[in-house]
Protein backbone atom coordinates (compact mmCIF):
# COMPACT_ATOMS: atom_id res chain seq x y z
CA MET A 1 174.52 -24.56 -125.82
CA ALA A 2 173.46 -27.21 -128.34
CA ARG A 3 175.24 -30.51 -128.39
CA THR A 4 177.89 -31.19 -131.15
CA ASP A 5 179.23 -34.41 -132.47
CA GLU A 6 182.89 -35.27 -132.90
CA THR A 7 183.12 -33.37 -136.19
CA GLY A 8 182.01 -30.18 -134.47
CA GLN A 9 178.61 -29.95 -136.25
CA ALA A 10 175.44 -29.31 -134.36
CA ASP A 11 173.12 -32.21 -133.67
CA PRO A 12 169.88 -31.68 -135.59
CA GLN A 13 167.93 -33.82 -133.06
CA ALA A 14 168.97 -31.63 -130.15
CA PRO A 15 166.13 -29.64 -128.58
CA ALA A 16 166.02 -25.90 -129.03
CA SER A 17 167.50 -23.74 -126.37
CA ASP A 18 165.31 -21.96 -123.85
CA THR A 19 166.45 -18.72 -125.33
CA ALA A 20 165.00 -19.55 -128.76
CA PRO A 21 162.21 -17.12 -129.81
CA ASN A 22 158.54 -18.41 -129.65
CA LEU A 23 156.72 -18.68 -132.93
CA GLN A 24 153.50 -16.49 -133.06
CA PRO A 25 150.35 -17.77 -134.86
CA ALA A 26 149.60 -16.31 -138.20
CA ALA A 27 147.23 -13.40 -138.52
CA GLY A 28 143.53 -14.39 -138.61
CA GLN A 29 144.12 -17.73 -136.81
CA THR A 30 143.14 -18.49 -133.23
CA THR A 31 144.33 -21.25 -131.04
CA GLY A 32 142.05 -23.64 -129.22
CA SER A 33 142.66 -22.04 -125.85
CA GLY A 34 141.98 -18.51 -127.16
CA ALA A 35 138.44 -19.15 -128.75
CA ARG A 36 135.73 -17.71 -126.48
CA MET A 37 131.90 -17.44 -126.69
CA PRO A 38 130.67 -13.86 -127.23
CA ARG A 39 129.35 -12.28 -124.08
CA TRP A 40 125.99 -11.35 -125.65
CA LEU A 41 125.15 -14.90 -126.77
CA PRO A 42 124.27 -16.40 -123.33
CA ARG A 43 122.16 -13.39 -122.45
CA SER A 44 120.33 -13.60 -125.78
CA MET A 45 119.64 -17.30 -125.33
CA VAL A 46 118.28 -16.76 -121.82
CA LEU A 47 116.15 -13.84 -123.00
CA ALA A 48 114.75 -15.91 -125.90
CA LEU A 49 113.89 -18.77 -123.55
CA LEU A 50 112.20 -16.36 -121.16
CA LEU A 51 110.14 -14.83 -123.99
CA VAL A 52 109.04 -18.26 -125.20
CA GLY A 53 108.11 -19.26 -121.66
CA VAL A 54 106.14 -16.06 -121.07
CA PHE A 55 104.31 -16.50 -124.38
CA GLN A 56 103.39 -20.11 -123.56
CA LEU A 57 102.25 -19.12 -120.08
CA GLY A 58 100.18 -16.24 -121.44
CA SER A 59 98.60 -18.46 -124.10
CA TRP A 60 97.72 -21.08 -121.51
CA ALA A 61 96.25 -18.48 -119.15
CA PHE A 62 94.25 -16.87 -121.97
CA HIS A 63 92.66 -20.18 -122.99
CA GLN A 64 91.89 -21.00 -119.36
CA LEU A 65 90.29 -17.59 -118.74
CA LEU A 66 88.53 -17.29 -122.11
CA GLY A 67 85.14 -18.20 -120.63
CA LEU A 68 85.51 -15.59 -117.88
CA LEU A 69 86.59 -12.93 -120.39
CA ILE A 70 83.54 -13.63 -122.56
CA ASN A 71 81.28 -13.38 -119.50
CA ILE A 72 82.87 -10.04 -118.59
CA LEU A 73 82.35 -8.80 -122.15
CA ILE A 74 78.67 -9.76 -122.04
CA ALA A 75 78.31 -8.11 -118.64
CA PHE A 76 79.93 -4.92 -119.93
CA PHE A 77 77.49 -4.60 -122.82
CA LEU A 78 74.57 -5.43 -120.52
CA ALA A 79 75.72 -2.66 -118.18
CA LEU A 80 75.91 -0.28 -121.15
CA ALA A 81 72.33 -1.23 -122.07
CA ILE A 82 70.93 -0.33 -118.63
CA GLU A 83 73.25 2.65 -118.14
CA PRO A 84 70.66 5.24 -119.35
CA ALA A 85 67.99 4.00 -116.91
CA VAL A 86 70.44 3.90 -113.99
CA SER A 87 71.83 7.37 -114.80
CA ARG A 88 68.31 8.81 -115.09
CA MET A 89 67.35 7.45 -111.65
CA ALA A 90 70.66 8.63 -110.17
CA ALA A 91 70.05 12.14 -111.55
CA ARG A 92 66.78 12.24 -109.60
CA GLY A 93 68.51 11.64 -106.29
CA VAL A 94 68.52 7.84 -106.06
CA ARG A 95 71.81 6.28 -105.04
CA ARG A 96 73.48 4.68 -108.02
CA GLY A 97 73.84 1.28 -106.38
CA LEU A 98 70.16 1.26 -105.41
CA ALA A 99 69.17 2.40 -108.90
CA ALA A 100 71.13 -0.44 -110.50
CA PHE A 101 69.59 -2.91 -108.04
CA LEU A 102 66.05 -1.71 -108.84
CA VAL A 103 66.65 -2.00 -112.58
CA PHE A 104 68.04 -5.51 -112.25
CA LEU A 105 65.21 -6.48 -109.93
CA GLY A 106 62.65 -5.34 -112.47
CA VAL A 107 64.36 -7.32 -115.24
CA VAL A 108 64.59 -10.45 -113.06
CA VAL A 109 60.95 -10.23 -111.92
CA ALA A 110 59.68 -9.74 -115.48
CA THR A 111 61.81 -12.60 -116.81
CA SER A 112 60.84 -14.95 -113.98
CA GLY A 113 57.15 -14.20 -114.38
CA PHE A 114 57.28 -14.77 -118.11
CA VAL A 115 59.21 -18.04 -117.74
CA THR A 116 56.82 -19.29 -115.03
CA LEU A 117 53.75 -18.48 -117.11
CA LEU A 118 55.26 -20.05 -120.19
CA GLY A 119 56.33 -23.14 -118.24
CA SER A 120 52.82 -23.70 -116.92
CA VAL A 121 51.37 -23.34 -120.42
CA LEU A 122 53.94 -25.76 -121.81
CA ALA A 123 53.31 -28.30 -119.03
CA GLU A 124 49.56 -28.24 -119.69
CA GLN A 125 50.06 -28.76 -123.40
CA VAL A 126 52.52 -31.63 -122.88
CA ILE A 127 50.02 -33.38 -120.60
CA LYS A 128 47.31 -32.85 -123.20
CA ILE A 129 49.52 -34.26 -125.95
CA VAL A 130 50.26 -37.36 -123.87
CA GLU A 131 46.57 -37.88 -123.11
CA ASP A 132 45.52 -37.44 -126.73
CA LEU A 133 48.37 -39.48 -128.17
CA PRO A 134 46.33 -42.70 -128.57
CA ALA A 135 43.65 -40.81 -130.51
CA TYR A 136 46.29 -39.26 -132.79
CA LEU A 137 47.88 -42.67 -133.29
CA ASP A 138 44.51 -44.21 -134.19
CA SER A 139 43.83 -41.50 -136.75
CA VAL A 140 47.25 -42.01 -138.35
CA ILE A 141 46.78 -45.80 -138.46
CA ASN A 142 43.32 -45.47 -140.02
CA TRP A 143 44.70 -43.11 -142.67
CA VAL A 144 47.50 -45.56 -143.50
CA ASN A 145 45.10 -48.52 -143.66
CA ALA A 146 42.72 -46.62 -145.92
CA HIS A 147 45.36 -45.44 -148.40
CA PHE A 148 47.78 -48.38 -148.47
CA ASN A 149 45.38 -51.31 -147.92
CA THR A 150 47.12 -52.45 -144.73
CA ASP A 151 45.72 -53.97 -141.54
CA LEU A 152 47.68 -52.21 -138.81
CA LYS A 153 46.48 -52.07 -135.22
CA ARG A 154 47.46 -49.67 -132.49
CA VAL A 155 48.30 -52.46 -130.06
CA ASP A 156 50.71 -54.04 -132.56
CA VAL A 157 52.36 -50.70 -133.26
CA GLN A 158 52.78 -49.96 -129.55
CA GLU A 159 54.27 -53.40 -128.85
CA GLY A 160 56.63 -53.03 -131.79
CA LEU A 161 57.80 -49.64 -130.52
CA LEU A 162 58.29 -50.89 -126.98
CA ARG A 163 60.30 -53.92 -128.12
CA SER A 164 62.41 -52.04 -130.64
CA ALA A 165 66.16 -51.88 -130.16
CA TRP A 166 66.47 -48.17 -130.97
CA LEU A 167 64.03 -47.28 -128.16
CA ARG A 168 66.05 -49.34 -125.67
CA GLU A 169 69.27 -47.67 -126.78
CA TYR A 170 67.64 -44.23 -126.59
CA VAL A 171 66.49 -44.86 -123.01
CA GLU A 172 69.95 -46.09 -122.00
CA ASN A 173 71.67 -43.09 -123.57
CA SER A 174 69.18 -40.73 -121.95
CA ALA A 175 69.80 -42.31 -118.55
CA THR A 176 73.56 -41.95 -118.90
CA GLY A 177 73.22 -38.37 -120.18
CA VAL A 178 71.21 -37.11 -117.21
CA LEU A 179 74.37 -36.24 -115.29
CA ASP A 180 75.79 -34.37 -118.28
CA VAL A 181 72.59 -32.37 -118.66
CA SER A 182 72.57 -31.57 -114.94
CA ALA A 183 76.18 -30.41 -115.11
CA GLN A 184 75.38 -28.20 -118.09
CA VAL A 185 72.38 -26.69 -116.29
CA LEU A 186 74.47 -25.93 -113.20
CA GLY A 187 77.22 -24.48 -115.38
CA GLY A 188 74.69 -22.27 -117.18
CA LEU A 189 73.26 -21.01 -113.87
CA PHE A 190 76.76 -20.20 -112.59
CA GLN A 191 77.57 -18.38 -115.83
CA LEU A 192 74.32 -16.40 -115.58
CA LEU A 193 75.13 -15.46 -111.98
CA THR A 194 78.64 -14.35 -113.00
CA ILE A 195 77.30 -12.16 -115.80
CA THR A 196 74.66 -10.64 -113.51
CA LEU A 197 77.17 -9.76 -110.78
CA PHE A 198 79.69 -8.21 -113.17
CA SER A 199 77.02 -6.22 -114.99
CA PHE A 200 75.67 -4.97 -111.66
CA TYR A 201 79.14 -3.83 -110.59
CA PHE A 202 79.75 -2.13 -113.94
CA ALA A 203 76.41 -0.30 -113.78
CA ALA A 204 76.61 0.65 -110.10
CA ASP A 205 80.28 1.70 -110.16
CA GLY A 206 80.31 3.18 -113.64
CA PRO A 207 81.62 6.62 -112.58
CA ARG A 208 84.27 5.03 -110.37
CA LEU A 209 85.37 2.74 -113.19
CA ARG A 210 85.62 5.63 -115.65
CA ARG A 211 87.56 7.67 -113.09
CA ALA A 212 89.98 4.78 -112.52
CA ILE A 213 90.58 4.40 -116.25
CA CYS A 214 91.04 8.12 -116.83
CA SER A 215 93.44 8.46 -113.89
CA VAL A 216 96.19 6.65 -115.81
CA LEU A 217 95.74 8.68 -119.01
CA PRO A 218 96.70 12.22 -120.03
CA PRO A 219 93.86 14.78 -120.33
CA ALA A 220 93.62 14.49 -124.13
CA LYS A 221 93.25 10.71 -123.94
CA GLN A 222 90.74 11.02 -121.10
CA ALA A 223 88.40 13.03 -123.33
CA GLU A 224 88.64 10.39 -126.04
CA VAL A 225 87.90 7.54 -123.61
CA LEU A 226 84.87 9.34 -122.17
CA ARG A 227 83.62 10.12 -125.66
CA ALA A 228 83.98 6.49 -126.72
CA TRP A 229 82.14 5.39 -123.58
CA GLU A 230 79.27 7.76 -124.32
CA ILE A 231 79.04 6.53 -127.91
CA ALA A 232 79.01 2.91 -126.73
CA VAL A 233 76.12 3.64 -124.35
CA ALA A 234 74.14 5.36 -127.11
CA LYS A 235 74.73 2.64 -129.71
CA THR A 236 74.00 -0.22 -127.31
CA GLY A 237 70.80 1.49 -126.21
CA GLY A 238 69.82 1.97 -129.85
CA TYR A 239 70.47 -1.70 -130.56
CA ILE A 240 68.29 -2.80 -127.63
CA HIS A 241 65.61 -0.37 -128.80
CA SER A 242 65.63 -1.83 -132.32
CA ARG A 243 65.44 -5.38 -130.94
CA GLY A 244 62.50 -4.37 -128.79
CA LEU A 245 60.68 -2.91 -131.78
CA MET A 246 61.26 -6.04 -133.83
CA ALA A 247 60.08 -8.20 -130.93
CA LEU A 248 56.89 -6.12 -130.74
CA VAL A 249 56.22 -6.41 -134.47
CA SER A 250 56.96 -10.13 -134.45
CA GLY A 251 54.71 -10.73 -131.44
CA VAL A 252 51.78 -8.86 -132.98
CA ALA A 253 52.11 -10.67 -136.33
CA HIS A 254 52.30 -14.12 -134.73
CA TYR A 255 49.44 -13.30 -132.38
CA ILE A 256 47.17 -12.48 -135.32
CA VAL A 257 48.00 -15.77 -137.05
CA LEU A 258 47.69 -17.92 -133.93
CA GLU A 259 44.41 -16.26 -132.95
CA ALA A 260 43.04 -16.77 -136.46
CA LEU A 261 43.90 -20.48 -136.30
CA GLY A 262 42.31 -20.84 -132.87
CA VAL A 263 45.53 -21.89 -131.14
CA PRO A 264 45.18 -21.60 -127.32
CA TYR A 265 47.35 -19.22 -125.30
CA ALA A 266 47.99 -17.09 -128.38
CA PRO A 267 49.16 -13.96 -126.44
CA VAL A 268 51.74 -15.90 -124.41
CA LEU A 269 53.01 -17.76 -127.46
CA ALA A 270 53.26 -14.53 -129.48
CA MET A 271 55.27 -12.93 -126.68
CA TRP A 272 57.52 -16.00 -126.58
CA VAL A 273 58.16 -15.83 -130.32
CA GLY A 274 58.91 -12.11 -130.25
CA LEU A 275 61.35 -12.17 -127.33
CA VAL A 276 63.18 -15.42 -128.03
CA SER A 277 63.63 -14.81 -131.75
CA GLN A 278 65.17 -11.37 -131.13
CA PHE A 279 67.25 -11.75 -127.99
CA ILE A 280 68.63 -15.27 -128.46
CA PRO A 281 70.93 -15.20 -131.51
CA THR A 282 71.44 -17.98 -134.04
CA ILE A 283 69.04 -20.56 -132.58
CA GLY A 284 66.41 -18.17 -131.25
CA THR A 285 64.28 -18.40 -134.38
CA TYR A 286 64.06 -22.18 -134.21
CA LEU A 287 63.31 -22.21 -130.49
CA ALA A 288 60.68 -19.52 -130.97
CA GLY A 289 58.84 -21.35 -133.76
CA ALA A 290 58.95 -24.84 -132.24
CA LEU A 291 56.64 -24.12 -129.28
CA PRO A 292 53.73 -22.59 -131.29
CA MET A 293 53.98 -25.49 -133.73
CA LEU A 294 53.80 -28.00 -130.89
CA ILE A 295 50.74 -26.40 -129.34
CA ALA A 296 49.07 -25.92 -132.74
CA PHE A 297 49.58 -29.65 -133.35
CA THR A 298 47.34 -30.38 -130.35
CA VAL A 299 44.51 -28.52 -132.09
CA ASP A 300 45.05 -29.83 -135.62
CA PRO A 301 48.19 -31.27 -137.26
CA TRP A 302 47.54 -29.11 -140.32
CA TYR A 303 47.63 -26.01 -138.13
CA ALA A 304 51.20 -26.86 -137.16
CA LEU A 305 52.11 -26.87 -140.84
CA TRP A 306 50.49 -23.47 -141.37
CA VAL A 307 52.37 -22.06 -138.38
CA LEU A 308 55.63 -23.42 -139.78
CA ILE A 309 54.99 -21.80 -143.17
CA PHE A 310 54.18 -18.45 -141.56
CA VAL A 311 57.27 -18.57 -139.33
CA VAL A 312 59.53 -19.20 -142.34
CA ILE A 313 57.92 -16.44 -144.43
CA TYR A 314 58.00 -13.91 -141.61
CA GLN A 315 61.62 -14.73 -140.85
CA GLN A 316 62.62 -13.93 -144.42
CA PHE A 317 60.65 -10.68 -144.27
CA GLU A 318 62.35 -9.75 -141.02
CA ASN A 319 65.86 -10.61 -142.21
CA TYR A 320 65.70 -8.80 -145.55
CA VAL A 321 63.22 -5.96 -144.97
CA LEU A 322 62.49 -5.12 -141.34
CA GLN A 323 65.77 -5.72 -139.54
CA PRO A 324 68.08 -3.83 -141.94
CA LYS A 325 65.89 -0.72 -141.91
CA LEU A 326 65.38 -0.63 -138.14
CA THR A 327 69.03 -1.37 -137.45
CA ALA A 328 70.16 1.32 -139.87
CA ARG A 329 67.89 3.88 -138.19
CA THR A 330 68.57 3.11 -134.53
CA VAL A 331 72.22 2.04 -134.67
CA ASP A 332 73.10 4.18 -137.72
CA ILE A 333 75.08 1.61 -139.68
CA HIS A 334 74.56 0.30 -143.19
CA PRO A 335 72.45 -2.90 -143.42
CA ALA A 336 75.26 -4.68 -145.24
CA VAL A 337 77.70 -3.71 -142.50
CA ALA A 338 75.26 -4.95 -139.85
CA PHE A 339 74.81 -8.27 -141.66
CA GLY A 340 78.55 -8.72 -142.14
CA SER A 341 79.29 -7.83 -138.51
CA VAL A 342 76.85 -10.48 -137.29
CA ILE A 343 78.53 -13.11 -139.49
CA ALA A 344 81.99 -12.07 -138.30
CA GLY A 345 80.91 -12.01 -134.66
CA THR A 346 79.40 -15.47 -134.96
CA ALA A 347 82.61 -16.80 -136.51
CA LEU A 348 84.74 -15.30 -133.71
CA LEU A 349 82.66 -15.76 -130.55
CA GLY A 350 79.65 -17.80 -131.60
CA ALA A 351 76.26 -16.76 -130.23
CA VAL A 352 77.82 -14.12 -127.99
CA GLY A 353 79.57 -12.52 -130.95
CA ALA A 354 76.33 -12.43 -132.93
CA LEU A 355 74.60 -10.66 -130.05
CA ILE A 356 77.20 -7.93 -129.42
CA ALA A 357 78.56 -7.56 -132.96
CA ILE A 358 76.22 -4.79 -134.12
CA PRO A 359 76.62 -2.43 -131.10
CA ALA A 360 80.38 -3.03 -131.08
CA VAL A 361 80.76 -2.21 -134.78
CA ALA A 362 78.44 0.79 -134.47
CA THR A 363 80.51 2.14 -131.57
CA LEU A 364 83.76 1.64 -133.44
CA GLN A 365 82.38 3.25 -136.59
CA ALA A 366 81.06 6.30 -134.73
CA PHE A 367 84.30 6.71 -132.76
CA LEU A 368 86.60 6.43 -135.78
CA GLY A 369 84.38 8.71 -137.86
CA ALA A 370 85.69 11.75 -135.99
CA TYR A 371 89.28 10.98 -137.05
CA VAL A 372 88.60 10.51 -140.76
CA LYS A 373 89.03 13.72 -142.73
CA ARG A 374 86.25 14.25 -145.25
CA TYR A 375 86.06 16.54 -148.28
CA ASP A 376 83.27 18.07 -150.33
CA VAL A 377 82.29 15.81 -153.21
CA THR A 378 82.62 17.39 -156.64
CA ASP A 379 79.50 18.03 -158.65
CA ASP A 380 80.09 15.25 -161.15
CA PRO A 381 77.26 13.18 -162.69
CA ARG A 382 79.44 10.08 -162.41
CA VAL A 383 78.96 10.23 -158.64
CA GLU A 384 75.30 9.35 -159.16
CA GLY A 385 76.17 6.66 -161.68
CA HIS A 386 75.41 8.69 -164.83
CA ARG A 387 77.75 8.33 -167.78
CA THR A 388 79.17 11.50 -169.33
CA ARG A 389 78.62 12.36 -173.02
CA GLY A 390 81.35 13.40 -175.41
CA PRO A 391 81.49 16.78 -177.17
CA GLY A 392 79.45 15.48 -180.10
CA GLY A 393 76.85 13.70 -178.00
CA GLY A 394 75.86 10.08 -178.34
CA LEU A 395 76.07 7.95 -181.47
CA ALA A 396 72.34 8.02 -182.12
CA ARG A 397 72.27 11.80 -181.76
CA ARG A 398 75.13 12.22 -184.26
CA LEU A 399 73.34 9.93 -186.73
CA ARG A 400 70.19 12.03 -186.51
CA ARG A 401 72.19 15.17 -187.25
CA LEU A 402 73.50 13.86 -190.58
CA PRO A 403 71.52 15.63 -193.38
CA GLY A 404 70.29 13.77 -196.42
CA ARG A 405 71.47 10.31 -195.38
CA LYS A 406 69.75 7.55 -197.32
CA ALA A 407 68.62 4.24 -195.89
CA GLY A 408 71.45 2.09 -197.30
CA GLU A 409 74.17 4.72 -197.11
CA PRO A 410 76.81 4.14 -194.41
CA ALA A 411 77.01 6.75 -191.72
CA MET A 412 80.14 8.92 -191.57
CA ALA A 413 81.21 10.29 -188.25
CA ASP A 414 81.70 14.06 -188.47
CA ALA A 415 83.04 14.56 -184.99
CA THR A 416 86.24 16.05 -186.39
CA ASP A 417 84.47 18.44 -188.77
CA SER A 418 84.22 22.00 -187.71
CA PRO A 419 80.68 23.41 -187.40
CA ALA A 420 79.42 25.54 -190.26
């Protein structure tokens, strides 16, 4: 009971009785103790964090393994290039592993012999250049003295070069860069060994690799994978064939020029130009032309200039005439597509992309061609680029049909008139 004062009225300050009804919150309002986090929100946050972490880990792993992936890609295309030779030997009863080993052994022996022969030729010419350097320097000094009325001497020029600051800095930088060059050489040898091993495994275990890939696919997809593999082998072989033809043509052309100029070791130099310019992308042309110019300089400095001019002219002929036609015939892609694929491959993977761009695009084009539905082209002259004529013919023809028109009389079009 609530307390009352002396007048019998209830005290307004008295607390409410325990039996008083509790007030409920209004609809749409929640109290502080009743607000809870949705059950799906923590799970979504954890899942988002996991996805971000997996993406970062995958990106890091991809960048760390990018060099290995590029080496595997090169090895795969190299295995595709020697696949016909290995399969032909295996069909004659030779074990596939032994056939792949024999093919690789032949390639290594030929490459080693060519590099050894070329290295000996280059060493002889460098020694000759060093021995004849004073004579070349005297001839240059005499030419300068005769044309510019100077009094230069070889001894003064040599002392000035030896005491120059740029020569001292060059020697110091070269000494400090020896370790970097050695590391790059060792890295290149390791990369070459990696590519060779992977390509050998791909070529020797080609059937096993195809069987392993097809084992996880349904029969319809297996046929498509095997068809794509066969197309890739054909297109890569065609690309190697076209490069070999261009190397042969380039070697013969450079041999004729070098032999006409009397440059020593013309056959070896012509072979160097043909192989390096075709099978080393991007910088192969410059490496190929530098060595013949250097050796031609030992015979006559003007001969080096003539070799440079011929290399530039032949390179333009090869880029715009020879290479598009041979590539279109052997790889069966349009010259513009081949040129664009090389540019795109260079932008994506550098020299490696330029080397494998054409066979990769040719394989993709041939594989996708079977899934593109084609129709018969209508017999329309506009297909050949010819413009159609109207019912009344051309303007000149209608003017000639007007009878009795005088020289100064304006022509009236009678296209709407009915024929008589």
